[in-house]
Protein backbone atom coordinates (compact mmCIF):
# COMPACT_ATOMS: atom_id res chain seq x y z
CA UNK A 1 22.43 -50.27 -131.79
CA UNK A 2 19.01 -48.54 -132.39
CA UNK A 3 16.67 -50.18 -134.48
CA UNK A 4 14.68 -48.47 -137.65
CA UNK A 5 11.50 -49.23 -135.27
CA UNK A 6 13.42 -47.41 -132.03
CA UNK A 7 14.03 -44.51 -134.80
CA UNK A 8 11.09 -43.74 -136.32
CA UNK A 9 9.24 -44.07 -132.41
CA UNK A 10 12.13 -41.25 -131.55
CA UNK A 11 11.05 -39.54 -134.28
CA UNK A 12 7.56 -38.96 -133.64
CA UNK A 13 7.89 -38.64 -129.83
CA UNK A 14 9.60 -35.83 -130.93
CA UNK A 15 7.33 -34.42 -133.06
CA UNK A 16 4.75 -34.93 -130.86
CA UNK A 17 7.11 -32.85 -127.33
CA UNK A 18 7.42 -29.93 -130.25
CA UNK A 19 3.63 -29.90 -131.02
CA UNK A 20 2.44 -30.11 -127.47
CA UNK A 21 5.34 -27.34 -126.38
CA UNK A 22 3.96 -25.82 -129.38
CA UNK A 23 0.56 -24.84 -128.75
CA UNK A 24 1.09 -24.46 -124.63
CA UNK A 25 3.46 -20.82 -126.07
CA UNK A 26 0.58 -19.96 -128.63
CA UNK A 27 -2.11 -20.06 -125.33
CA UNK A 28 -0.23 -17.85 -123.68
CA UNK A 29 0.76 -15.82 -125.37
CA UNK A 30 -3.80 -15.22 -125.92
CA UNK A 31 -3.37 -15.14 -122.56
CA UNK A 32 -1.09 -12.54 -122.69
CA UNK A 33 -2.52 -10.73 -125.52
CA UNK A 34 -5.92 -11.11 -124.29
CA UNK A 35 -5.55 -9.16 -120.82
CA UNK A 36 -2.57 -6.83 -122.67
CA UNK A 37 -6.90 -5.73 -124.91
CA UNK A 38 -8.51 -5.67 -121.57
CA UNK A 39 -6.22 -3.29 -120.12
CA UNK A 40 -8.74 -0.42 -118.97
CA UNK A 41 -7.30 3.31 -121.08
CA UNK A 42 -7.69 5.58 -117.26
CA UNK A 43 -6.55 8.39 -119.56
CA UNK A 44 -9.31 10.99 -119.48
CA UNK A 45 -9.75 9.47 -115.61
CA UNK A 46 -10.19 13.35 -114.51
CA UNK A 47 -11.56 15.02 -117.19
CA UNK A 48 -14.73 15.63 -115.36
CA UNK A 49 -13.21 17.54 -112.81
CA UNK A 50 -12.30 20.59 -115.44
CA UNK A 51 -13.43 23.89 -114.13
CA UNK A 52 -13.85 25.43 -110.70
CA UNK A 53 -15.20 23.81 -107.46
CA UNK A 54 -16.63 24.89 -103.71
CA UNK A 55 -15.05 22.94 -101.24
CA UNK A 56 -15.65 21.98 -97.73
CA UNK A 57 -12.35 20.95 -96.05
CA UNK A 58 -12.02 18.71 -93.15
CA UNK A 59 -8.86 18.08 -91.29
CA UNK A 60 -7.58 15.64 -88.59
CA UNK A 61 -5.83 18.63 -85.90
CA UNK A 62 -3.50 15.50 -84.33
CA UNK A 63 -3.00 12.66 -86.25
CA UNK A 64 -2.26 9.13 -84.60
CA UNK A 65 -3.01 11.20 -81.04
CA UNK A 66 -6.49 9.97 -80.76
CA UNK A 67 -7.78 12.58 -81.26
CA UNK A 68 -11.33 13.79 -82.51
CA UNK A 69 -10.95 17.36 -83.11
CA UNK A 70 -11.12 18.40 -87.00
CA UNK A 71 -10.87 21.78 -88.39
CA UNK A 72 -12.97 22.83 -91.33
CA UNK A 73 -12.66 25.55 -93.74
CA UNK A 74 -14.55 26.75 -96.91
CA UNK A 75 -12.86 27.03 -100.43
CA UNK A 76 -12.53 26.34 -103.76
CA UNK A 77 -10.46 23.87 -106.62
CA UNK A 78 -9.87 24.16 -109.56
CA UNK A 79 -9.01 21.52 -112.17
CA UNK A 80 -7.17 22.92 -114.87
CA UNK A 81 -6.66 20.24 -117.52
CA UNK A 82 -3.08 20.14 -119.75
CA UNK A 83 -1.92 18.32 -122.29
CA UNK A 84 -3.76 14.62 -122.74
CA UNK A 85 -5.36 13.63 -119.28
CA UNK A 86 -3.21 15.77 -117.44
CA UNK A 87 -4.49 18.00 -114.55
CA UNK A 88 -3.50 20.87 -112.33
CA UNK A 89 -5.59 21.08 -109.27
CA UNK A 90 -4.93 24.45 -107.40
CA UNK A 91 -6.52 24.52 -103.39
CA UNK A 92 -7.13 27.86 -102.24
CA UNK A 93 -9.03 29.21 -98.98
CA UNK A 94 -11.69 31.78 -98.04
CA UNK A 95 -9.92 34.72 -97.39
CA UNK A 96 -6.51 33.55 -98.09
CA UNK A 97 -4.61 35.46 -100.85
CA UNK A 98 -4.01 32.77 -103.37
CA UNK A 99 -3.15 29.54 -103.68
CA UNK A 100 -2.35 27.03 -101.14
CA UNK A 101 -1.46 24.38 -102.52
CA UNK A 102 -1.84 22.25 -105.88
CA UNK A 103 -2.05 19.17 -107.60
CA UNK A 104 -0.58 17.49 -110.57
CA UNK A 105 -2.09 14.43 -112.23
CA UNK A 106 -0.28 12.99 -115.09
CA UNK A 107 -0.66 9.43 -116.46
CA UNK A 108 1.79 6.42 -117.92
CA UNK A 109 -0.33 4.81 -120.38
CA UNK A 110 2.20 1.96 -120.52
CA UNK A 111 1.19 1.07 -116.52
CA UNK A 112 -2.62 2.55 -117.35
CA UNK A 113 -1.93 4.27 -113.38
CA UNK A 114 -1.81 7.31 -112.54
CA UNK A 115 1.24 10.07 -110.74
CA UNK A 116 -0.27 12.70 -108.08
CA UNK A 117 2.07 15.08 -107.10
CA UNK A 118 1.69 17.36 -104.08
CA UNK A 119 3.21 20.75 -103.37
CA UNK A 120 2.25 23.21 -101.22
CA UNK A 121 2.91 27.27 -100.73
CA UNK A 122 4.79 27.08 -97.34
CA UNK A 123 8.34 25.13 -99.24
CA UNK A 124 6.70 24.73 -102.36
CA UNK A 125 8.46 21.11 -102.72
CA UNK A 126 7.38 18.08 -104.49
CA UNK A 127 6.53 14.64 -102.32
CA UNK A 128 6.58 11.38 -104.06
CA UNK A 129 3.81 10.94 -106.22
CA UNK A 130 1.14 8.37 -105.13
CA UNK A 131 0.43 6.05 -107.83
CA UNK A 132 -2.63 4.27 -108.62
CA UNK A 133 -5.81 4.04 -110.92
CA UNK A 134 -9.22 4.00 -111.22
CA UNK A 135 -12.21 0.69 -110.40
CA UNK A 136 -15.28 1.04 -110.61
CA UNK A 137 -15.44 4.55 -110.05
CA UNK A 138 -12.97 4.77 -107.53
CA UNK A 139 -9.79 5.91 -107.74
CA UNK A 140 -6.52 4.64 -104.92
CA UNK A 141 -3.86 6.00 -104.95
CA UNK A 142 -0.47 4.90 -102.70
CA UNK A 143 2.83 6.54 -102.00
CA UNK A 144 5.69 5.96 -99.12
CA UNK A 145 6.60 8.97 -97.20
CA UNK A 146 8.64 10.23 -93.85
CA UNK A 147 6.56 10.98 -90.86
CA UNK A 148 7.95 12.56 -87.77
CA UNK A 149 10.86 10.54 -89.15
CA UNK A 150 8.93 7.59 -89.34
CA UNK A 151 8.62 5.89 -92.74
CA UNK A 152 4.69 5.66 -93.46
CA UNK A 153 2.51 4.96 -96.62
CA UNK A 154 -0.20 7.36 -97.46
CA UNK A 155 -2.95 6.69 -99.36
CA UNK A 156 -5.33 9.45 -101.50
CA UNK A 157 -9.03 8.21 -102.70
CA UNK A 158 -11.41 9.82 -104.72
CA UNK A 159 -14.76 8.59 -105.33
CA UNK A 160 -18.84 9.55 -106.47
CA UNK A 161 -17.22 10.59 -109.39
CA UNK A 162 -20.16 9.64 -111.92
CA UNK A 163 -23.25 9.38 -109.61
CA UNK A 164 -22.48 12.21 -107.37
CA UNK A 165 -19.78 15.09 -106.90
CA UNK A 166 -17.29 13.94 -105.73
CA UNK A 167 -15.15 12.78 -102.70
CA UNK A 168 -11.55 12.93 -101.50
CA UNK A 169 -9.92 11.57 -98.69
CA UNK A 170 -6.38 11.30 -97.70
CA UNK A 171 -5.48 8.35 -95.22
CA UNK A 172 -1.91 7.59 -93.29
CA UNK A 173 -0.67 4.13 -92.21
CA UNK A 174 2.13 3.60 -89.82
CA UNK A 175 1.28 -0.51 -89.43
CA UNK A 176 1.99 -1.49 -93.84
CA UNK A 177 -1.60 -0.77 -95.03
CA UNK A 178 -3.14 -3.52 -91.90
CA UNK A 179 -4.76 -0.05 -90.92
CA UNK A 180 -5.94 4.05 -91.90
CA UNK A 181 -6.32 7.08 -89.85
CA UNK A 182 -8.49 9.49 -92.14
CA UNK A 183 -6.81 12.49 -91.88
CA UNK A 184 -8.25 15.01 -94.04
CA UNK A 185 -11.54 14.95 -96.47
CA UNK A 186 -12.83 17.42 -99.06
CA UNK A 187 -16.21 17.22 -100.34
CA UNK A 188 -16.47 19.15 -103.78
CA UNK A 189 -19.54 20.79 -105.64
CA UNK A 190 -19.79 22.04 -108.90
CA UNK A 191 -20.04 26.07 -108.93
CA UNK A 192 -23.88 27.13 -109.26
CA UNK A 193 -25.58 30.27 -109.84
CA UNK A 194 -26.26 30.43 -106.35
CA UNK A 195 -23.06 31.21 -106.13
CA UNK A 196 -22.64 34.28 -108.26
CA UNK A 197 -20.07 33.21 -110.16
CA UNK A 198 -20.37 34.05 -113.94
CA UNK A 199 -21.28 31.06 -116.25
CA UNK A 200 -21.25 29.17 -119.32
CA UNK A 201 -24.86 29.48 -119.74
CA UNK A 202 -24.39 33.94 -119.41
CA UNK A 203 -26.49 34.07 -116.00
CA UNK A 204 -25.39 35.41 -113.26
CA UNK A 205 -27.58 34.80 -109.57
CA UNK A 206 -31.01 35.34 -110.81
CA UNK A 207 -30.08 38.32 -113.32
CA UNK A 208 -28.42 37.28 -117.11
CA UNK A 209 -26.94 39.46 -118.47
CA UNK A 210 -27.92 38.53 -122.66
CA UNK A 211 -30.88 39.62 -121.91
CA UNK A 212 -30.90 43.05 -123.34
CA UNK A 213 -29.54 41.25 -126.35
CA UNK A 214 -32.07 39.22 -126.94
CA UNK A 215 -34.39 41.73 -126.49
CA UNK A 216 -32.68 43.22 -129.80
CA UNK A 217 -32.76 40.73 -131.71
CA UNK A 218 -36.51 39.79 -130.43
CA UNK A 219 -37.64 43.27 -131.69
CA UNK A 220 -36.09 42.13 -135.79
CA UNK A 221 -38.36 39.05 -135.02
CA UNK A 222 -34.79 36.87 -134.83
CA UNK A 223 -35.81 33.75 -133.36
CA UNK A 224 -34.24 32.73 -129.56
CA UNK A 225 -33.28 29.09 -129.59
CA UNK A 226 -33.99 27.02 -126.43
CA UNK A 227 -30.35 27.37 -125.06
CA UNK A 228 -30.86 31.30 -124.75
CA UNK A 229 -27.16 31.61 -126.37
CA UNK A 230 -28.62 31.18 -130.06
CA UNK A 231 -30.72 33.35 -132.34
CA UNK A 232 -31.94 33.24 -135.74
CA UNK A 233 -32.31 35.82 -138.91
CA UNK A 234 -32.96 35.55 -141.66
CA UNK A 235 -34.34 38.14 -144.84
CA UNK A 236 -35.60 40.95 -144.09
CA UNK A 237 -34.60 39.99 -140.33
CA UNK A 238 -31.34 40.27 -140.96
CA UNK A 239 -31.83 43.93 -143.53
CA UNK A 240 -33.31 45.41 -140.48
CA UNK A 241 -29.75 44.34 -138.53
CA UNK A 242 -27.72 45.89 -141.48
CA UNK A 243 -29.70 48.82 -141.32
CA UNK A 244 -29.56 49.53 -137.26
CA UNK A 245 -25.46 48.44 -137.35
CA UNK A 246 -25.18 51.36 -140.13
CA UNK A 247 -27.23 53.31 -137.75
CA UNK A 248 -25.70 52.71 -134.84
CA UNK A 249 -22.00 53.52 -137.08
CA UNK A 250 -23.54 57.11 -137.99
CA UNK A 251 -24.62 57.98 -134.30
CA UNK A 252 -21.11 57.09 -132.98
CA UNK A 253 -20.26 60.00 -130.94
CA UNK A 254 -23.26 62.15 -131.68
CA UNK A 255 -25.35 62.45 -128.62
CA UNK A 256 -28.49 62.61 -130.47
CA UNK A 257 -28.52 59.29 -131.29
């Protein structure tokens, strides 16, 4: 039969074991909370892509054949925002009618990963998504797919997101990711004034479609702000603008005016 001393010893030992276990669980919970908090929210990684880009594309003519023959062409890539973070990319080749392909980017806020789907105009089929994330400005997205009856790994890489115009590469691996063969390269350049396309600044090439309006407002004594998109009218200047508008309304359709 156990003595009272032994009973108390067992009780104290049980309390000690419980406290050590509780401390361990608390430490693990705290570490888990810290890791969850540290997870990066990448939901808006592709926001800077929104809009139109000039694209120079190169793709390998004969992958896995020891070939170094590349086919090159110019085109445009247009990125359209969908819901928060999601993006639709349309690829067009110079001289082609309509988009040649599309990529759909969707974000999973639970796993903090992007799902990237591709479809081309030839068959309209969506392939398996490439899944991945951005780290230090470089996004890598992987998928398993079948090429000529062989199961292979596919990888998309987006880089130079913040430092310079974006750079895209696509590669395939036949050995489980130990080695990769680069098959496609795309370099983007934001559509600029030199292309002759319209811009939010109001400029087309070397001309400025705001110029006549700016001259008219300046003749009324308006102040032109630095961005050339806004003017400031007050006092007598507003009266002049009102009289000018009334005169324009009265002269509508009358040749003498």
